[in-house]
Protein backbone atom coordinates (compact mmCIF):
# COMPACT_ATOMS: atom_id res chain seq x y z
CA UNK A 1 0.00 0.00 0.00
CA UNK A 2 1.37 3.46 -0.87
CA UNK A 3 2.67 5.53 2.02
CA UNK A 4 0.75 8.51 3.44
CA UNK A 5 3.52 10.73 2.04
CA UNK A 6 2.94 9.38 -1.48
CA UNK A 7 -0.79 9.88 -1.13
CA UNK A 8 -0.24 13.45 0.08
CA UNK A 9 1.58 14.16 -3.20
CA UNK A 10 -1.31 12.59 -5.12
CA UNK A 11 -3.79 14.81 -3.28
CA UNK A 12 -1.68 17.89 -3.95
CA UNK A 13 -1.51 17.12 -7.67
CA UNK A 14 -5.24 16.43 -7.83
CA UNK A 15 -5.94 19.80 -6.23
CA UNK A 16 -4.04 21.63 -8.97
CA UNK A 17 -5.67 20.76 -12.30
CA UNK A 18 -4.34 22.25 -15.52
CA UNK A 19 -5.62 25.80 -16.03
CA UNK A 20 -7.39 25.27 -19.37
CA UNK A 21 -8.13 22.75 -22.12
CA UNK A 22 -6.20 22.53 -24.29
CA UNK A 23 -3.44 24.49 -22.54
CA UNK A 24 -0.69 26.20 -24.51
CA UNK A 25 2.91 24.93 -24.27
CA UNK A 26 3.80 28.06 -22.32
CA UNK A 27 1.02 27.40 -19.82
CA UNK A 28 2.05 23.76 -19.45
CA UNK A 29 5.67 24.75 -18.87
CA UNK A 30 4.80 27.27 -16.18
CA UNK A 31 2.47 24.78 -14.50
CA UNK A 32 5.13 22.06 -14.40
CA UNK A 33 7.81 24.44 -13.14
CA UNK A 34 5.50 25.42 -10.27
CA UNK A 35 4.72 21.79 -9.39
CA UNK A 36 8.35 20.70 -9.58
CA UNK A 37 9.48 23.56 -7.36
CA UNK A 38 7.83 21.74 -4.45
CA UNK A 39 10.26 18.81 -4.81
CA UNK A 40 13.39 19.72 -2.84
CA UNK A 41 17.02 19.76 -3.95
CA UNK A 42 19.15 17.93 -1.36
CA UNK A 43 21.69 19.80 0.71
CA UNK A 44 25.18 19.76 -0.72
CA UNK A 45 24.14 19.72 -4.38
CA UNK A 46 26.43 21.68 -6.68
CA UNK A 47 25.22 22.63 -10.17
CA UNK A 48 27.54 24.06 -12.81
CA UNK A 49 26.26 25.26 -16.21
CA UNK A 50 28.13 23.65 -19.09
CA UNK A 51 27.87 22.53 -22.71
CA UNK A 52 28.44 19.01 -23.96
CA UNK A 53 28.60 18.30 -27.67
CA UNK A 54 27.32 21.81 -28.28
CA UNK A 55 24.19 21.26 -26.18
CA UNK A 56 23.56 23.20 -22.98
CA UNK A 57 23.06 21.54 -19.64
CA UNK A 58 24.56 21.43 -16.19
CA UNK A 59 26.84 19.23 -14.18
CA UNK A 60 25.26 18.18 -10.90
CA UNK A 61 27.52 16.82 -8.21
CA UNK A 62 27.15 15.80 -4.59
CA UNK A 63 29.90 15.35 -2.00
CA UNK A 64 29.68 11.60 -2.68
CA UNK A 65 30.17 12.00 -6.46
CA UNK A 66 33.12 10.22 -8.05
CA UNK A 67 34.77 11.81 -11.08
CA UNK A 68 34.96 8.52 -12.98
CA UNK A 69 31.24 7.69 -12.85
CA UNK A 70 28.95 9.74 -15.14
CA UNK A 71 25.18 9.71 -15.63
CA UNK A 72 23.79 11.53 -18.67
CA UNK A 73 20.30 12.55 -17.49
CA UNK A 74 17.41 13.32 -19.87
CA UNK A 75 14.48 15.02 -18.15
CA UNK A 76 10.84 14.23 -18.74
CA UNK A 77 7.95 16.44 -19.79
CA UNK A 78 6.45 15.05 -22.97
CA UNK A 79 9.18 16.65 -25.12
CA UNK A 80 7.26 19.92 -24.66
CA UNK A 81 7.81 20.89 -21.01
CA UNK A 82 10.31 20.21 -18.24
CA UNK A 83 13.84 21.50 -17.81
CA UNK A 84 17.04 21.04 -15.89
CA UNK A 85 15.36 23.22 -13.23
CA UNK A 86 12.36 20.90 -12.77
CA UNK A 87 14.58 17.85 -12.34
CA UNK A 88 17.52 19.24 -10.38
CA UNK A 89 16.39 17.62 -7.11
CA UNK A 90 15.92 14.18 -8.65
CA UNK A 91 19.20 14.32 -10.55
CA UNK A 92 21.09 15.45 -7.45
CA UNK A 93 19.69 12.54 -5.43
CA UNK A 94 20.69 10.13 -8.20
CA UNK A 95 24.18 11.66 -8.15
CA UNK A 96 24.31 11.11 -4.39
CA UNK A 97 23.15 7.48 -4.45
CA UNK A 98 25.10 6.53 -7.59
CA UNK A 99 28.17 8.36 -6.25
CA UNK A 100 28.45 9.82 -9.73
CA UNK A 101 28.58 13.10 -11.57
CA UNK A 102 25.41 13.77 -13.55
CA UNK A 103 25.19 15.84 -16.71
CA UNK A 104 21.58 17.03 -16.93
CA UNK A 105 20.78 17.92 -20.54
CA UNK A 106 18.75 20.97 -21.57
CA UNK A 107 17.68 19.45 -24.87
CA UNK A 108 15.50 21.40 -27.31
CA UNK A 109 11.72 21.20 -26.82
CA UNK A 110 8.77 20.98 -29.18
CA UNK A 111 6.83 22.53 -30.81
CA UNK A 112 9.63 25.01 -31.47
CA UNK A 113 12.03 22.14 -32.12
CA UNK A 114 10.11 18.99 -33.10
CA UNK A 115 11.34 15.43 -33.56
CA UNK A 116 14.14 14.45 -34.01
CA UNK A 117 15.69 17.49 -32.27
CA UNK A 118 15.69 15.89 -28.81
CA UNK A 119 17.35 12.71 -30.11
CA UNK A 120 19.97 14.72 -31.97
CA UNK A 121 20.78 16.71 -28.83
CA UNK A 122 21.07 13.61 -26.65
CA UNK A 123 23.34 11.88 -29.17
CA UNK A 124 25.54 14.99 -29.47
CA UNK A 125 25.80 15.26 -25.68
CA UNK A 126 26.80 11.60 -25.31
CA UNK A 127 29.41 11.96 -28.02
CA UNK A 128 30.63 15.11 -26.28
CA UNK A 129 31.12 13.20 -23.05
CA UNK A 130 33.12 10.53 -24.86
CA UNK A 131 35.16 13.15 -26.75
CA UNK A 132 35.99 14.81 -23.42
CA UNK A 133 37.78 11.64 -22.35
CA UNK A 134 35.04 9.77 -20.48
CA UNK A 135 35.03 6.11 -21.52
CA UNK A 136 31.64 4.81 -22.73
CA UNK A 137 31.87 2.04 -20.17
CA UNK A 138 31.89 4.70 -17.43
CA UNK A 139 28.61 6.28 -18.59
CA UNK A 140 24.99 5.42 -17.85
CA UNK A 141 22.15 7.20 -19.67
CA UNK A 142 19.03 7.79 -17.59
CA UNK A 143 15.74 9.61 -17.97
CA UNK A 144 12.13 9.78 -16.86
CA UNK A 145 8.87 9.78 -18.84
CA UNK A 146 9.68 11.33 -22.24
CA UNK A 147 13.29 11.37 -21.07
CA UNK A 148 13.03 7.62 -20.50
CA UNK A 149 11.79 7.14 -24.03
CA UNK A 150 14.54 9.47 -25.22
CA UNK A 151 17.07 7.33 -23.34
CA UNK A 152 16.00 4.31 -25.39
CA UNK A 153 15.90 6.32 -28.63
CA UNK A 154 19.43 7.56 -27.92
CA UNK A 155 20.67 4.00 -27.45
CA UNK A 156 19.05 2.91 -30.72
CA UNK A 157 20.50 5.88 -32.60
CA UNK A 158 24.00 5.35 -31.20
CA UNK A 159 23.92 1.63 -31.95
CA UNK A 160 22.76 2.19 -35.52
CA UNK A 161 25.51 4.77 -36.04
CA UNK A 162 28.16 2.38 -34.77
CA UNK A 163 29.08 4.42 -31.69
CA UNK A 164 30.45 2.64 -28.61
CA UNK A 165 27.55 2.23 -26.20
CA UNK A 166 27.26 3.19 -22.53
CA UNK A 167 27.44 0.65 -19.75
CA UNK A 168 23.70 0.65 -19.08
CA UNK A 169 20.53 2.74 -19.06
CA UNK A 170 17.85 3.61 -16.50
CA UNK A 171 14.29 4.41 -17.56
CA UNK A 172 11.83 5.84 -15.03
CA UNK A 173 8.23 5.45 -16.23
CA UNK A 174 9.39 5.79 -19.86
CA UNK A 175 7.03 7.11 -22.54
CA UNK A 176 7.66 4.66 -25.36
CA UNK A 177 4.39 4.70 -27.33
CA UNK A 178 3.36 8.17 -28.48
CA UNK A 179 0.14 6.77 -30.00
CA UNK A 180 -1.08 5.53 -26.61
CA UNK A 181 -2.09 2.02 -27.67
CA UNK A 182 -1.36 0.24 -24.38
CA UNK A 183 -4.23 -1.14 -22.32
CA UNK A 184 -3.24 1.09 -19.40
CA UNK A 185 -3.89 4.20 -21.50
CA UNK A 186 -7.62 3.47 -21.44
CA UNK A 187 -7.96 1.58 -18.17
CA UNK A 188 -10.84 3.23 -16.24
CA UNK A 189 -9.32 2.06 -12.96
CA UNK A 190 -6.15 4.11 -13.45
CA UNK A 191 -6.29 7.67 -12.13
CA UNK A 192 -2.83 9.18 -12.49
CA UNK A 193 -2.75 12.92 -11.69
CA UNK A 194 0.66 13.32 -13.32
CA UNK A 195 -0.52 12.57 -16.87
CA UNK A 196 -3.71 12.21 -18.89
CA UNK A 197 -4.43 10.78 -22.32
CA UNK A 198 -5.48 14.06 -24.04
CA UNK A 199 -2.31 15.71 -22.79
CA UNK A 200 -0.15 12.84 -24.02
CA UNK A 201 -1.81 12.87 -27.41
CA UNK A 202 -1.32 16.64 -27.71
CA UNK A 203 2.35 16.42 -26.78
CA UNK A 204 2.90 13.48 -29.11
CA UNK A 205 1.54 15.49 -32.01
CA UNK A 206 3.49 18.62 -31.08
CA UNK A 207 6.70 16.60 -30.93
CA UNK A 208 6.43 13.97 -33.67
CA UNK A 209 3.42 14.80 -35.83
CA UNK A 210 2.99 12.05 -38.42
CA UNK A 211 6.14 10.33 -37.14
CA UNK A 212 4.69 9.03 -33.88
CA UNK A 213 5.41 5.43 -34.91
CA UNK A 214 9.06 6.07 -35.78
CA UNK A 215 11.28 3.98 -33.48
CA UNK A 216 13.26 7.04 -32.41
CA UNK A 217 10.00 8.76 -31.39
CA UNK A 218 8.22 5.70 -30.02
CA UNK A 219 10.96 3.21 -29.04
CA UNK A 220 8.32 0.52 -28.50
CA UNK A 221 8.65 0.00 -32.27
CA UNK A 222 12.44 -0.30 -32.16
CA UNK A 223 14.77 -3.27 -32.49
CA UNK A 224 16.57 -3.64 -29.16
CA UNK A 225 19.24 -6.12 -30.19
CA UNK A 226 22.67 -5.16 -28.93
CA UNK A 227 21.72 -2.38 -26.53
CA UNK A 228 23.15 -2.40 -22.99
CA UNK A 229 21.35 -3.60 -19.85
CA UNK A 230 18.22 -1.72 -18.81
CA UNK A 231 16.73 -0.87 -15.43
CA UNK A 232 13.06 0.10 -15.85
CA UNK A 233 10.87 1.44 -13.05
CA UNK A 234 7.11 1.82 -13.49
CA UNK A 235 4.14 2.33 -11.20
CA UNK A 236 1.13 0.04 -11.39
CA UNK A 237 -1.14 3.07 -10.99
CA UNK A 238 0.14 5.04 -13.93
CA UNK A 239 -1.23 5.62 -17.40
CA UNK A 240 2.10 4.69 -18.99
CA UNK A 241 2.40 1.36 -17.20
CA UNK A 242 2.17 -0.67 -20.41
CA UNK A 243 4.76 1.50 -22.16
CA UNK A 244 7.28 0.01 -19.74
CA UNK A 245 5.96 -3.54 -19.59
CA UNK A 246 5.86 -3.98 -23.36
CA UNK A 247 9.34 -2.52 -23.86
CA UNK A 248 10.71 -4.76 -21.11
CA UNK A 249 9.25 -7.82 -22.83
CA UNK A 250 10.53 -6.76 -26.23
CA UNK A 251 14.02 -5.99 -24.95
CA UNK A 252 14.27 -9.33 -23.13
CA UNK A 253 13.17 -11.12 -26.30
CA UNK A 254 16.05 -9.37 -28.08
CA UNK A 255 18.52 -10.70 -25.51
CA UNK A 256 18.89 -7.51 -23.46
CA UNK A 257 19.26 -7.96 -19.67
CA UNK A 258 16.32 -6.11 -18.13
CA UNK A 259 15.66 -5.37 -14.47
CA UNK A 260 12.01 -4.33 -14.15
CA UNK A 261 10.72 -2.80 -10.93
CA UNK A 262 6.99 -2.33 -10.41
CA UNK A 263 5.91 0.24 -7.83
CA UNK A 264 2.65 -1.15 -6.46
CA UNK A 265 0.01 1.58 -6.29
CA UNK A 266 2.47 4.29 -7.31
CA UNK A 267 1.96 7.03 -9.88
CA UNK A 268 4.05 8.38 -12.75
CA UNK A 269 7.72 9.14 -11.97
CA UNK A 270 7.31 8.77 -8.20
CA UNK A 271 11.12 8.83 -7.64
CA UNK A 272 10.89 12.58 -8.32
CA UNK A 273 8.99 13.27 -5.09
CA UNK A 274 11.97 13.60 -2.75
CA UNK A 275 13.54 11.92 0.24
CA UNK A 276 10.47 12.60 2.37
CA UNK A 277 8.44 10.06 0.37
CA UNK A 278 9.66 6.56 1.33
CA UNK A 279 8.96 5.02 -2.07
CA UNK A 280 10.89 7.81 -3.81
CA UNK A 281 13.84 7.48 -1.46
CA UNK A 282 13.94 3.70 -1.94
CA UNK A 283 13.69 3.97 -5.71
CA UNK A 284 16.58 6.41 -5.96
CA UNK A 285 18.70 4.20 -3.69
CA UNK A 286 17.96 1.28 -6.03
CA UNK A 287 18.86 3.37 -9.07
CA UNK A 288 22.12 4.32 -7.39
CA UNK A 289 22.92 0.70 -6.58
CA UNK A 290 22.27 -0.31 -10.21
CA UNK A 291 24.53 2.43 -11.55
CA UNK A 292 27.32 1.58 -9.10
CA UNK A 293 27.09 -2.09 -10.00
CA UNK A 294 27.39 -1.31 -13.71
CA UNK A 295 30.16 1.25 -13.38
CA UNK A 296 32.08 -0.44 -10.58
C-alpha cells in the first residue's frame, strides 16, 4: 500500500488541475515548473552550467560523487515541457546514491524544435562526453517519462551509427508509445494525476506529428538487439504502465538484460517526489545501486 507521504503528493496534484483545455505549451511549462518547485534539492548539491557536444546543460555533483562515474540525465515532460530546473532535485539525489557526476541535458523542446531534435541533442551530448575523455563504459544514460523514451531512442541511434555504447541505461516510467495504444492508456481504474491521455496525445503530435510510430520517437517499435542492460521502473497506478511492460518484454526477447521494478500503487515518476516520500527514497537508492554495479 502506498505511504501517506505518497498519497499526500497525489492529493496535492489532484488539487491543482491544468488551467485550461487545451493548454498552450507556455502554460504547461509554467504549471510544471510550479509543481516541480515543491520537490526539494538535497543539501550539498552543486550545479555548474556547461555545454556538452554543443548542447547546454549542467553538471550536478554531490559530496559523494566520483569523477569517474557519469550519468547523462534526460528530463521528462512530454518533449514539450520540463527543464534542468524541474529535475535538479531528482538528478542530485541520483548523483548522491550513484556516487556519480550527472550531466543534466537541456535538450530542445517541441513545438519550437520537433522530432528528431531531442534525439539529436542527446546523441551529441553523449558523443561530447566521450570526446571529453570519459570512456563509454563509465557512462549510464538515464531519464524519466519522455526522457526515459529518449534514453531508449538515444541508445538505438547510437547503436545504428556504430558508436560505442554506454554501460547501461535507466528508464523511469518511460514514454515509449506516443500513440497511446497500451491497455493502461484506457484503463478506467487508473487515475494518475501526473498525466492524462489528451495531454499525451497533444504532446505526441506537437513533438512527432505524423512520425509518432518512428522507433526514435516511439521506441516501442524499435529493435533492441545489442543495446546495454536496462533498469526500468514503473508504477502500477500510472497511465504509462504498459509503455514500460511492453518494452521490457521486447528488450528481453532481443537478448537484453532487463531489471524491471513495479511500484505497487504508485503514480508516474514517483522517484521525483523527494527523500520525504519513502517510495521515492527507496527507488533512488535502487537506481544508485544499479549504476554503481554497472560502473564499478
